[in-house]
């Protein structure tokens, strides 16, 4: 769902200079629209980093309600199947966001709260 890379500044000095990484462990999180990255300020553990990175994920899931259901179903009727998630959660699950991006050209994702 999220791509992760490690850079060894001893071997990649130019790249580390470009992102102002000098002598300390640093995590930068990049969104699809951001070339500079945002410095991660949280606790240095996998769970905290993952939770921060998930907030940067693109979301191609439409919120579907009784008012816009017909419009959702009619959209891309000839070219895409529809996937609807019925949930009581307030936010879109990470895996559903990831699937909505991966299959963007073949499926339309919707969420009913």
PDB file of N, CA and C in Angstrom:
ATOM      1  N   UNK A   1       0.814  -1.198   0.000  1.00  0.00           N
ATOM      2  CA  UNK A   1       0.000   0.000   0.000  1.00  0.00           C
ATOM      3  C   UNK A   1       0.855   1.259   0.000  1.00  0.00           C
ATOM      4  N   UNK A   2       2.002   1.158   0.668  1.00  0.00           N
ATOM      5  CA  UNK A   2       2.895   2.307   0.776  1.00  0.00           C
ATOM      6  C   UNK A   2       4.290   1.864   0.381  1.00  0.00           C
ATOM      7  N   UNK A   3       4.951   2.640  -0.439  1.00  0.00           N
ATOM      8  CA  UNK A   3       6.315   2.316  -0.841  1.00  0.00           C
ATOM      9  C   UNK A   3       7.287   2.920   0.167  1.00  0.00           C
ATOM     10  N   UNK A   4       8.278   2.140   0.548  1.00  0.00           N
ATOM     11  CA  UNK A   4       9.263   2.570   1.532  1.00  0.00           C
ATOM     12  C   UNK A   4      10.653   2.397   0.926  1.00  0.00           C
ATOM     13  N   UNK A   5      11.529   3.355   1.169  1.00  0.00           N
ATOM     14  CA  UNK A   5      12.906   3.263   0.680  1.00  0.00           C
ATOM     15  C   UNK A   5      13.858   3.768   1.759  1.00  0.00           C
ATOM     16  N   UNK A   6      15.039   3.200   1.783  1.00  0.00           N
ATOM     17  CA  UNK A   6      16.085   3.645   2.710  1.00  0.00           C
ATOM     18  C   UNK A   6      17.254   4.159   1.884  1.00  0.00           C
ATOM     19  N   UNK A   7      17.869   5.211   2.366  1.00  0.00           N
ATOM     20  CA  UNK A   7      19.007   5.820   1.670  1.00  0.00           C
ATOM     21  C   UNK A   7      20.195   5.843   2.624  1.00  0.00           C
ATOM     22  N   UNK A   8      21.326   5.385   2.154  1.00  0.00           N
ATOM     23  CA  UNK A   8      22.563   5.440   2.929  1.00  0.00           C
ATOM     24  C   UNK A   8      23.309   6.703   2.508  1.00  0.00           C
ATOM     25  N   UNK A   9      23.342   7.689   3.400  1.00  0.00           N
ATOM     26  CA  UNK A   9      23.932   8.985   3.054  1.00  0.00           C
ATOM     27  C   UNK A   9      25.444   8.914   2.842  1.00  0.00           C
ATOM     28  N   UNK A  10      26.083   7.867   3.306  1.00  0.00           N
ATOM     29  CA  UNK A  10      27.510   7.703   3.026  1.00  0.00           C
ATOM     30  C   UNK A  10      27.740   7.420   1.547  1.00  0.00           C
ATOM     31  N   UNK A  11      26.782   6.784   0.911  1.00  0.00           N
ATOM     32  CA  UNK A  11      26.910   6.437  -0.503  1.00  0.00           C
ATOM     33  C   UNK A  11      26.081   7.339  -1.418  1.00  0.00           C
ATOM     34  N   UNK A  12      25.134   8.050  -0.861  1.00  0.00           N
ATOM     35  CA  UNK A  12      24.244   8.906  -1.654  1.00  0.00           C
ATOM     36  C   UNK A  12      24.273  10.343  -1.117  1.00  0.00           C
ATOM     37  N   UNK A  13      25.469  10.906  -1.035  1.00  0.00           N
ATOM     38  CA  UNK A  13      25.648  12.242  -0.450  1.00  0.00           C
ATOM     39  C   UNK A  13      24.822  13.313  -1.160  1.00  0.00           C
ATOM     40  N   UNK A  14      24.801  13.282  -2.476  1.00  0.00           N
ATOM     41  CA  UNK A  14      24.085  14.301  -3.251  1.00  0.00           C
ATOM     42  C   UNK A  14      22.581  14.275  -2.953  1.00  0.00           C
ATOM     43  N   UNK A  15      22.022  13.086  -2.891  1.00  0.00           N
ATOM     44  CA  UNK A  15      20.601  12.946  -2.608  1.00  0.00           C
ATOM     45  C   UNK A  15      20.281  13.419  -1.183  1.00  0.00           C
ATOM     46  N   UNK A  16      21.124  13.075  -0.231  1.00  0.00           N
ATOM     47  CA  UNK A  16      20.906  13.498   1.150  1.00  0.00           C
ATOM     48  C   UNK A  16      21.035  15.012   1.295  1.00  0.00           C
ATOM     49  N   UNK A  17      21.932  15.600   0.544  1.00  0.00           N
ATOM     50  CA  UNK A  17      22.059  17.066   0.552  1.00  0.00           C
ATOM     51  C   UNK A  17      20.806  17.720  -0.009  1.00  0.00           C
ATOM     52  N   UNK A  18      20.292  17.154  -1.082  1.00  0.00           N
ATOM     53  CA  UNK A  18      19.089  17.707  -1.715  1.00  0.00           C
ATOM     54  C   UNK A  18      17.919  17.788  -0.728  1.00  0.00           C
ATOM     55  N   UNK A  19      17.814  16.801   0.169  1.00  0.00           N
ATOM     56  CA  UNK A  19      16.710  16.766   1.121  1.00  0.00           C
ATOM     57  C   UNK A  19      17.134  17.181   2.533  1.00  0.00           C
ATOM     58  N   UNK A  20      18.287  17.792   2.649  1.00  0.00           N
ATOM     59  CA  UNK A  20      18.798  18.316   3.924  1.00  0.00           C
ATOM     60  C   UNK A  20      18.848  17.260   5.024  1.00  0.00           C
ATOM     61  N   UNK A  21      19.350  16.101   4.681  1.00  0.00           N
ATOM     62  CA  UNK A  21      19.512  15.028   5.662  1.00  0.00           C
ATOM     63  C   UNK A  21      20.992  14.975   6.012  1.00  0.00           C
ATOM     64  N   UNK A  22      21.312  15.361   7.244  1.00  0.00           N
ATOM     65  CA  UNK A  22      22.708  15.409   7.670  1.00  0.00           C
ATOM     66  C   UNK A  22      22.881  14.666   8.983  1.00  0.00           C
ATOM     67  N   UNK A  23      23.517  13.518   8.944  1.00  0.00           N
ATOM     68  CA  UNK A  23      23.990  12.844  10.139  1.00  0.00           C
ATOM     69  C   UNK A  23      22.965  12.245  11.082  1.00  0.00           C
ATOM     70  N   UNK A  24      21.690  12.410  10.851  1.00  0.00           N
ATOM     71  CA  UNK A  24      20.725  11.804  11.770  1.00  0.00           C
ATOM     72  C   UNK A  24      19.722  10.973  10.987  1.00  0.00           C
ATOM     73  N   UNK A  25      19.058  10.081  11.688  1.00  0.00           N
ATOM     74  CA  UNK A  25      18.001   9.304  11.047  1.00  0.00           C
ATOM     75  C   UNK A  25      16.821  10.233  10.794  1.00  0.00           C
ATOM     76  N   UNK A  26      16.325  10.185   9.609  1.00  0.00           N
ATOM     77  CA  UNK A  26      15.212  11.055   9.259  1.00  0.00           C
ATOM     78  C   UNK A  26      14.253  10.286   8.369  1.00  0.00           C
ATOM     79  N   UNK A  27      12.979  10.520   8.591  1.00  0.00           N
ATOM     80  CA  UNK A  27      11.950   9.932   7.749  1.00  0.00           C
ATOM     81  C   UNK A  27      11.225  11.073   7.058  1.00  0.00           C
ATOM     82  N   UNK A  28      11.169  10.993   5.745  1.00  0.00           N
ATOM     83  CA  UNK A  28      10.411  11.954   4.949  1.00  0.00           C
ATOM     84  C   UNK A  28       9.240  11.212   4.319  1.00  0.00           C
ATOM     85  N   UNK A  29       8.080  11.832   4.341  1.00  0.00           N
ATOM     86  CA  UNK A  29       6.885  11.236   3.748  1.00  0.00           C
ATOM     87  C   UNK A  29       6.488  12.077   2.544  1.00  0.00           C
ATOM     88  N   UNK A  30       6.341  11.407   1.415  1.00  0.00           N
ATOM     89  CA  UNK A  30       6.001  12.076   0.164  1.00  0.00           C
ATOM     90  C   UNK A  30       4.588  11.698  -0.249  1.00  0.00           C
ATOM     91  N   UNK A  31       3.833  12.681  -0.674  1.00  0.00           N
ATOM     92  CA  UNK A  31       2.523  12.398  -1.255  1.00  0.00           C
ATOM     93  C   UNK A  31       2.696  12.341  -2.770  1.00  0.00           C
ATOM     94  N   UNK A  32       1.645  12.013  -3.454  1.00  0.00           N
ATOM     95  CA  UNK A  32       1.689  11.960  -4.920  1.00  0.00           C
ATOM     96  C   UNK A  32       1.993  13.336  -5.524  1.00  0.00           C
ATOM     97  N   UNK A  33       1.643  14.402  -4.795  1.00  0.00           N
ATOM     98  CA  UNK A  33       1.762  15.757  -5.323  1.00  0.00           C
ATOM     99  C   UNK A  33       2.957  16.517  -4.772  1.00  0.00           C
ATOM    100  N   UNK A  34       3.734  15.885  -3.878  1.00  0.00           N
ATOM    101  CA  UNK A  34       4.780  16.601  -3.151  1.00  0.00           C
ATOM    102  C   UNK A  34       6.150  16.038  -3.492  1.00  0.00           C
ATOM    103  N   UNK A  35       7.017  16.874  -4.064  1.00  0.00           N
ATOM    104  CA  UNK A  35       8.360  16.432  -4.416  1.00  0.00           C
ATOM    105  C   UNK A  35       9.378  16.661  -3.302  1.00  0.00           C
ATOM    106  N   UNK A  36       9.024  17.480  -2.303  1.00  0.00           N
ATOM    107  CA  UNK A  36       9.969  17.822  -1.253  1.00  0.00           C
ATOM    108  C   UNK A  36       9.863  16.922  -0.029  1.00  0.00           C
ATOM    109  N   UNK A  37       8.732  16.325   0.181  1.00  0.00           N
ATOM    110  CA  UNK A  37       8.521  15.466   1.345  1.00  0.00           C
ATOM    111  C   UNK A  37       8.303  16.273   2.609  1.00  0.00           C
ATOM    112  N   UNK A  38       7.568  15.690   3.534  1.00  0.00           N
ATOM    113  CA  UNK A  38       7.345  16.293   4.843  1.00  0.00           C
ATOM    114  C   UNK A  38       8.109  15.482   5.872  1.00  0.00           C
ATOM    115  N   UNK A  39       8.792  16.168   6.759  1.00  0.00           N
ATOM    116  CA  UNK A  39       9.573  15.485   7.782  1.00  0.00           C
ATOM    117  C   UNK A  39       8.629  14.851   8.803  1.00  0.00           C
ATOM    118  N   UNK A  40       8.841  13.571   9.071  1.00  0.00           N
ATOM    119  CA  UNK A  40       8.062  12.861  10.072  1.00  0.00           C
ATOM    120  C   UNK A  40       8.589  13.258  11.441  1.00  0.00           C
ATOM    121  N   UNK A  41       7.708  13.717  12.313  1.00  0.00           N
ATOM    122  CA  UNK A  41       8.109  14.218  13.631  1.00  0.00           C
ATOM    123  C   UNK A  41       7.736  13.278  14.776  1.00  0.00           C
ATOM    124  N   UNK A  42       7.099  12.160  14.466  1.00  0.00           N
ATOM    125  CA  UNK A  42       6.605  11.277  15.520  1.00  0.00           C
ATOM    126  C   UNK A  42       7.650  10.328  16.060  1.00  0.00           C
ATOM    127  N   UNK A  43       7.153   9.388  16.846  1.00  0.00           N
ATOM    128  CA  UNK A  43       8.003   8.358  17.441  1.00  0.00           C
ATOM    129  C   UNK A  43       8.567   7.471  16.337  1.00  0.00           C
ATOM    130  N   UNK A  44       9.829   7.117  16.437  1.00  0.00           N
ATOM    131  CA  UNK A  44      10.491   6.327  15.397  1.00  0.00           C
ATOM    132  C   UNK A  44      10.215   4.838  15.577  1.00  0.00           C
ATOM    133  N   UNK A  45       8.996   4.442  15.229  1.00  0.00           N
ATOM    134  CA  UNK A  45       8.680   3.017  15.168  1.00  0.00           C
ATOM    135  C   UNK A  45       7.782   2.794  13.961  1.00  0.00           C
ATOM    136  N   UNK A  46       7.730   1.551  13.513  1.00  0.00           N
ATOM    137  CA  UNK A  46       7.024   1.230  12.268  1.00  0.00           C
ATOM    138  C   UNK A  46       5.556   1.621  12.318  1.00  0.00           C
ATOM    139  N   UNK A  47       4.907   1.380  13.432  1.00  0.00           N
ATOM    140  CA  UNK A  47       3.472   1.669  13.529  1.00  0.00           C
ATOM    141  C   UNK A  47       3.188   3.167  13.420  1.00  0.00           C
ATOM    142  N   UNK A  48       3.972   3.979  14.104  1.00  0.00           N
ATOM    143  CA  UNK A  48       3.779   5.431  14.060  1.00  0.00           C
ATOM    144  C   UNK A  48       4.051   5.984  12.661  1.00  0.00           C
ATOM    145  N   UNK A  49       5.087   5.484  12.020  1.00  0.00           N
ATOM    146  CA  UNK A  49       5.431   5.933  10.662  1.00  0.00           C
ATOM    147  C   UNK A  49       4.334   5.525   9.688  1.00  0.00           C
ATOM    148  N   UNK A  50       3.842   4.277   9.811  1.00  0.00           N
ATOM    149  CA  UNK A  50       2.784   3.807   8.932  1.00  0.00           C
ATOM    150  C   UNK A  50       1.518   4.650   9.102  1.00  0.00           C
ATOM    151  N   UNK A  51       1.139   4.933  10.337  1.00  0.00           N
ATOM    152  CA  UNK A  51      -0.063   5.738  10.586  1.00  0.00           C
ATOM    153  C   UNK A  51       0.070   7.133   9.982  1.00  0.00           C
ATOM    154  N   UNK A  52       1.245   7.703  10.048  1.00  0.00           N
ATOM    155  CA  UNK A  52       1.470   9.025   9.456  1.00  0.00           C
ATOM    156  C   UNK A  52       1.413   8.949   7.933  1.00  0.00           C
ATOM    157  N   UNK A  53       2.024   7.923   7.349  1.00  0.00           N
ATOM    158  CA  UNK A  53       2.080   7.791   5.890  1.00  0.00           C
ATOM    159  C   UNK A  53       0.698   7.553   5.291  1.00  0.00           C
ATOM    160  N   UNK A  54      -0.150   6.820   6.000  1.00  0.00           N
ATOM    161  CA  UNK A  54      -1.498   6.516   5.505  1.00  0.00           C
ATOM    162  C   UNK A  54      -2.292   7.796   5.257  1.00  0.00           C
ATOM    163  N   UNK A  55      -2.033   8.822   6.032  1.00  0.00           N
ATOM    164  CA  UNK A  55      -2.752  10.091   5.860  1.00  0.00           C
ATOM    165  C   UNK A  55      -2.440  10.755   4.523  1.00  0.00           C
ATOM    166  N   UNK A  56      -1.337  10.369   3.901  1.00  0.00           N
ATOM    167  CA  UNK A  56      -0.932  10.949   2.620  1.00  0.00           C
ATOM    168  C   UNK A  56      -1.477  10.169   1.416  1.00  0.00           C
ATOM    169  N   UNK A  57      -2.121   9.033   1.673  1.00  0.00           N
ATOM    170  CA  UNK A  57      -2.617   8.197   0.576  1.00  0.00           C
ATOM    171  C   UNK A  57      -3.726   8.894  -0.193  1.00  0.00           C
ATOM    172  N   UNK A  58      -3.712   8.709  -1.496  1.00  0.00           N
ATOM    173  CA  UNK A  58      -4.806   9.212  -2.319  1.00  0.00           C
ATOM    174  C   UNK A  58      -6.038   8.354  -2.081  1.00  0.00           C
ATOM    175  N   UNK A  59      -7.194   8.972  -2.182  1.00  0.00           N
ATOM    176  CA  UNK A  59      -8.445   8.285  -1.914  1.00  0.00           C
ATOM    177  C   UNK A  59      -9.381   8.496  -3.106  1.00  0.00           C
ATOM    178  N   UNK A  60      -9.724   7.413  -3.784  1.00  0.00           N
ATOM    179  CA  UNK A  60     -10.610   7.484  -4.937  1.00  0.00           C
ATOM    180  C   UNK A  60     -11.966   6.849  -4.626  1.00  0.00           C
ATOM    181  N   UNK A  61     -12.337   6.847  -3.359  1.00  0.00           N
ATOM    182  CA  UNK A  61     -13.595   6.257  -2.906  1.00  0.00           C
ATOM    183  C   UNK A  61     -14.634   7.364  -2.789  1.00  0.00           C
ATOM    184  N   UNK A  62     -15.786   7.174  -3.441  1.00  0.00           N
ATOM    185  CA  UNK A  62     -16.884   8.138  -3.347  1.00  0.00           C
ATOM    186  C   UNK A  62     -17.762   7.795  -2.153  1.00  0.00           C
ATOM    187  N   UNK A  63     -18.237   8.814  -1.467  1.00  0.00           N
ATOM    188  CA  UNK A  63     -19.224   8.600  -0.412  1.00  0.00           C
ATOM    189  C   UNK A  63     -20.582   8.501  -1.103  1.00  0.00           C
ATOM    190  N   UNK A  64     -21.284   7.394  -0.857  1.00  0.00           N
ATOM    191  CA  UNK A  64     -22.558   7.127  -1.526  1.00  0.00           C
ATOM    192  C   UNK A  64     -23.678   7.210  -0.497  1.00  0.00           C
ATOM    193  N   UNK A  65     -24.741   7.893  -0.883  1.00  0.00           N
ATOM    194  CA  UNK A  65     -25.916   8.023  -0.015  1.00  0.00           C
ATOM    195  C   UNK A  65     -27.167   7.779  -0.855  1.00  0.00           C
ATOM    196  N   UNK A  66     -28.314   7.820  -0.227  1.00  0.00           N
ATOM    197  CA  UNK A  66     -29.571   7.637  -0.956  1.00  0.00           C
ATOM    198  C   UNK A  66     -29.727   8.712  -2.035  1.00  0.00           C
ATOM    199  N   UNK A  67     -29.224   9.916  -1.754  1.00  0.00           N
ATOM    200  CA  UNK A  67     -29.366  11.037  -2.690  1.00  0.00           C
ATOM    201  C   UNK A  67     -28.510  10.874  -3.950  1.00  0.00           C
ATOM    202  N   UNK A  68     -27.337  10.267  -3.834  1.00  0.00           N
ATOM    203  CA  UNK A  68     -26.457  10.188  -5.000  1.00  0.00           C
ATOM    204  C   UNK A  68     -26.222   8.761  -5.497  1.00  0.00           C
ATOM    205  N   UNK A  69     -26.979   7.795  -4.985  1.00  0.00           N
ATOM    206  CA  UNK A  69     -26.797   6.393  -5.372  1.00  0.00           C
ATOM    207  C   UNK A  69     -26.963   6.186  -6.876  1.00  0.00           C
ATOM    208  N   UNK A  70     -28.032   6.715  -7.450  1.00  0.00           N
ATOM    209  CA  UNK A  70     -28.279   6.529  -8.885  1.00  0.00           C
ATOM    210  C   UNK A  70     -27.139   7.101  -9.723  1.00  0.00           C
ATOM    211  N   UNK A  71     -26.656   8.254  -9.344  1.00  0.00           N
ATOM    212  CA  UNK A  71     -25.534   8.878 -10.061  1.00  0.00           C
ATOM    213  C   UNK A  71     -24.282   8.000  -9.967  1.00  0.00           C
ATOM    214  N   UNK A  72     -24.030   7.444  -8.773  1.00  0.00           N
ATOM    215  CA  UNK A  72     -22.876   6.552  -8.580  1.00  0.00           C
ATOM    216  C   UNK A  72     -22.991   5.320  -9.482  1.00  0.00           C
ATOM    217  N   UNK A  73     -24.156   4.700  -9.515  1.00  0.00           N
ATOM    218  CA  UNK A  73     -24.362   3.489 -10.305  1.00  0.00           C
ATOM    219  C   UNK A  73     -24.254   3.781 -11.800  1.00  0.00           C
ATOM    220  N   UNK A  74     -24.760   4.916 -12.236  1.00  0.00           N
ATOM    221  CA  UNK A  74     -24.742   5.257 -13.661  1.00  0.00           C
ATOM    222  C   UNK A  74     -23.355   5.678 -14.158  1.00  0.00           C
ATOM    223  N   UNK A  75     -22.507   6.165 -13.255  1.00  0.00           N
ATOM    224  CA  UNK A  75     -21.167   6.617 -13.651  1.00  0.00           C
ATOM    225  C   UNK A  75     -20.354   5.445 -14.202  1.00  0.00           C
ATOM    226  N   UNK A  76     -19.782   5.619 -15.347  1.00  0.00           N
ATOM    227  CA  UNK A  76     -18.928   4.607 -15.988  1.00  0.00           C
ATOM    228  C   UNK A  76     -19.638   3.258 -16.115  1.00  0.00           C
ATOM    229  N   UNK A  77     -20.933   3.281 -16.320  1.00  0.00           N
ATOM    230  CA  UNK A  77     -21.742   2.045 -16.355  1.00  0.00           C
ATOM    231  C   UNK A  77     -21.206   1.024 -17.357  1.00  0.00           C
ATOM    232  N   UNK A  78     -20.789   1.489 -18.511  1.00  0.00           N
ATOM    233  CA  UNK A  78     -20.359   0.581 -19.581  1.00  0.00           C
ATOM    234  C   UNK A  78     -18.933   0.062 -19.398  1.00  0.00           C
ATOM    235  N   UNK A  79     -18.117   0.740 -18.610  1.00  0.00           N
ATOM    236  CA  UNK A  79     -16.704   0.374 -18.568  1.00  0.00           C
ATOM    237  C   UNK A  79     -16.207  -0.145 -17.220  1.00  0.00           C
ATOM    238  N   UNK A  80     -16.943   0.124 -16.133  1.00  0.00           N
ATOM    239  CA  UNK A  80     -16.435  -0.265 -14.817  1.00  0.00           C
ATOM    240  C   UNK A  80     -17.498  -0.938 -13.961  1.00  0.00           C
ATOM    241  N   UNK A  81     -17.062  -1.958 -13.230  1.00  0.00           N
ATOM    242  CA  UNK A  81     -17.913  -2.549 -12.205  1.00  0.00           C
ATOM    243  C   UNK A  81     -17.838  -1.664 -10.970  1.00  0.00           C
ATOM    244  N   UNK A  82     -18.828  -1.777 -10.107  1.00  0.00           N
ATOM    245  CA  UNK A  82     -18.885  -0.955  -8.885  1.00  0.00           C
ATOM    246  C   UNK A  82     -18.609  -1.826  -7.664  1.00  0.00           C
ATOM    247  N   UNK A  83     -17.900  -1.274  -6.711  1.00  0.00           N
ATOM    248  CA  UNK A  83     -17.633  -1.918  -5.429  1.00  0.00           C
ATOM    249  C   UNK A  83     -18.165  -0.979  -4.348  1.00  0.00           C
ATOM    250  N   UNK A  84     -19.071  -1.479  -3.511  1.00  0.00           N
ATOM    251  CA  UNK A  84     -19.626  -0.671  -2.422  1.00  0.00           C
ATOM    252  C   UNK A  84     -19.230  -1.281  -1.082  1.00  0.00           C
ATOM    253  N   UNK A  85     -18.751  -0.453  -0.199  1.00  0.00           N
ATOM    254  CA  UNK A  85     -18.420  -0.858   1.166  1.00  0.00           C
ATOM    255  C   UNK A  85     -19.465  -0.254   2.095  1.00  0.00           C
ATOM    256  N   UNK A  86     -20.141  -1.090   2.859  1.00  0.00           N
ATOM    257  CA  UNK A  86     -21.105  -0.631   3.859  1.00  0.00           C
ATOM    258  C   UNK A  86     -20.396  -0.685   5.205  1.00  0.00           C
ATOM    259  N   UNK A  87     -20.313   0.462   5.889  1.00  0.00           N
ATOM    260  CA  UNK A  87     -19.539   0.517   7.120  1.00  0.00           C
ATOM    261  C   UNK A  87     -20.118   1.538   8.087  1.00  0.00           C
ATOM    262  N   UNK A  88     -19.801   1.340   9.345  1.00  0.00           N
ATOM    263  CA  UNK A  88     -20.165   2.318  10.375  1.00  0.00           C
ATOM    264  C   UNK A  88     -18.939   3.148  10.783  1.00  0.00           C
ATOM    265  N   UNK A  89     -17.791   2.860  10.185  1.00  0.00           N
ATOM    266  CA  UNK A  89     -16.575   3.611  10.502  1.00  0.00           C
ATOM    267  C   UNK A  89     -16.658   5.028   9.941  1.00  0.00           C
ATOM    268  N   UNK A  90     -15.995   5.949  10.636  1.00  0.00           N
ATOM    269  CA  UNK A  90     -16.026   7.355  10.226  1.00  0.00           C
ATOM    270  C   UNK A  90     -15.124   7.632   9.033  1.00  0.00           C
ATOM    271  N   UNK A  91     -14.025   6.896   8.924  1.00  0.00           N
ATOM    272  CA  UNK A  91     -13.088   7.145   7.831  1.00  0.00           C
ATOM    273  C   UNK A  91     -12.987   5.919   6.923  1.00  0.00           C
ATOM    274  N   UNK A  92     -12.461   6.133   5.746  1.00  0.00           N
ATOM    275  CA  UNK A  92     -12.294   5.058   4.774  1.00  0.00           C
ATOM    276  C   UNK A  92     -11.135   4.164   5.193  1.00  0.00           C
ATOM    277  N   UNK A  93     -11.351   2.847   5.260  1.00  0.00           N
ATOM    278  CA  UNK A  93     -10.254   1.939   5.628  1.00  0.00           C
ATOM    279  C   UNK A  93      -9.079   2.050   4.650  1.00  0.00           C
ATOM    280  N   UNK A  94      -7.900   1.926   5.186  1.00  0.00           N
ATOM    281  CA  UNK A  94      -6.677   2.068   4.388  1.00  0.00           C
ATOM    282  C   UNK A  94      -6.653   1.103   3.211  1.00  0.00           C
ATOM    283  N   UNK A  95      -7.010  -0.138   3.436  1.00  0.00           N
ATOM    284  CA  UNK A  95      -6.972  -1.123   2.353  1.00  0.00           C
ATOM    285  C   UNK A  95      -7.940  -0.741   1.240  1.00  0.00           C
ATOM    286  N   UNK A  96      -9.068  -0.157   1.577  1.00  0.00           N
ATOM    287  CA  UNK A  96     -10.043   0.253   0.566  1.00  0.00           C
ATOM    288  C   UNK A  96      -9.493   1.418  -0.259  1.00  0.00           C
ATOM    289  N   UNK A  97      -8.807   2.354   0.393  1.00  0.00           N
ATOM    290  CA  UNK A  97      -8.151   3.453  -0.341  1.00  0.00           C
ATOM    291  C   UNK A  97      -7.128   2.895  -1.313  1.00  0.00           C
ATOM    292  N   UNK A  98      -6.317   1.954  -0.821  1.00  0.00           N
ATOM    293  CA  UNK A  98      -5.262   1.370  -1.661  1.00  0.00           C
ATOM    294  C   UNK A  98      -5.862   0.647  -2.865  1.00  0.00           C
ATOM    295  N   UNK A  99      -6.925  -0.110  -2.641  1.00  0.00           N
ATOM    296  CA  UNK A  99      -7.580  -0.814  -3.739  1.00  0.00           C
ATOM    297  C   UNK A  99      -8.195   0.162  -4.729  1.00  0.00           C
ATOM    298  N   UNK A 100      -8.759   1.269  -4.222  1.00  0.00           N
ATOM    299  CA  UNK A 100      -9.376   2.255  -5.118  1.00  0.00           C
ATOM    300  C   UNK A 100      -8.347   2.883  -6.053  1.00  0.00           C
ATOM    301  N   UNK A 101      -7.123   3.004  -5.583  1.00  0.00           N
ATOM    302  CA  UNK A 101      -6.067   3.554  -6.433  1.00  0.00           C
ATOM    303  C   UNK A 101      -5.550   2.498  -7.409  1.00  0.00           C
ATOM    304  N   UNK A 102      -5.307   1.307  -6.892  1.00  0.00           N
ATOM    305  CA  UNK A 102      -4.751   0.237  -7.735  1.00  0.00           C
ATOM    306  C   UNK A 102      -5.663  -0.105  -8.909  1.00  0.00           C
ATOM    307  N   UNK A 103      -6.969  -0.130  -8.675  1.00  0.00           N
ATOM    308  CA  UNK A 103      -7.917  -0.533  -9.717  1.00  0.00           C
ATOM    309  C   UNK A 103      -8.718   0.644 -10.266  1.00  0.00           C
ATOM    310  N   UNK A 104      -8.165   1.826 -10.189  1.00  0.00           N
ATOM    311  CA  UNK A 104      -8.841   3.057 -10.604  1.00  0.00           C
ATOM    312  C   UNK A 104      -9.392   2.981 -12.027  1.00  0.00           C
ATOM    313  N   UNK A 105      -8.666   2.373 -12.923  1.00  0.00           N
ATOM    314  CA  UNK A 105      -9.102   2.341 -14.325  1.00  0.00           C
ATOM    315  C   UNK A 105     -10.104   1.235 -14.613  1.00  0.00           C
ATOM    316  N   UNK A 106     -10.298   0.292 -13.656  1.00  0.00           N
ATOM    317  CA  UNK A 106     -11.185  -0.844 -13.927  1.00  0.00           C
ATOM    318  C   UNK A 106     -12.412  -0.921 -13.026  1.00  0.00           C
ATOM    319  N   UNK A 107     -12.352  -0.307 -11.850  1.00  0.00           N
ATOM    320  CA  UNK A 107     -13.445  -0.401 -10.884  1.00  0.00           C
ATOM    321  C   UNK A 107     -13.764   0.977 -10.309  1.00  0.00           C
ATOM    322  N   UNK A 108     -15.004   1.154  -9.885  1.00  0.00           N
ATOM    323  CA  UNK A 108     -15.408   2.379  -9.186  1.00  0.00           C
ATOM    324  C   UNK A 108     -15.763   1.991  -7.758  1.00  0.00           C
ATOM    325  N   UNK A 109     -15.146   2.653  -6.789  1.00  0.00           N
ATOM    326  CA  UNK A 109     -15.329   2.332  -5.386  1.00  0.00           C
ATOM    327  C   UNK A 109     -16.231   3.360  -4.710  1.00  0.00           C
ATOM    328  N   UNK A 110     -17.125   2.855  -3.881  1.00  0.00           N
ATOM    329  CA  UNK A 110     -17.997   3.716  -3.122  1.00  0.00           C
ATOM    330  C   UNK A 110     -18.108   3.216  -1.690  1.00  0.00           C
ATOM    331  N   UNK A 111     -18.458   4.125  -0.806  1.00  0.00           N
ATOM    332  CA  UNK A 111     -18.576   3.795   0.613  1.00  0.00           C
ATOM    333  C   UNK A 111     -19.901   4.338   1.133  1.00  0.00           C
ATOM    334  N   UNK A 112     -20.684   3.463   1.768  1.00  0.00           N
ATOM    335  CA  UNK A 112     -21.950   3.852   2.370  1.00  0.00           C
ATOM    336  C   UNK A 112     -21.749   3.824   3.864  1.00  0.00           C
ATOM    337  N   UNK A 113     -21.960   4.979   4.505  1.00  0.00           N
ATOM    338  CA  UNK A 113     -21.775   5.052   5.964  1.00  0.00           C
ATOM    339  C   UNK A 113     -23.130   4.956   6.653  1.00  0.00           C
TER     340      UNK A 113
END
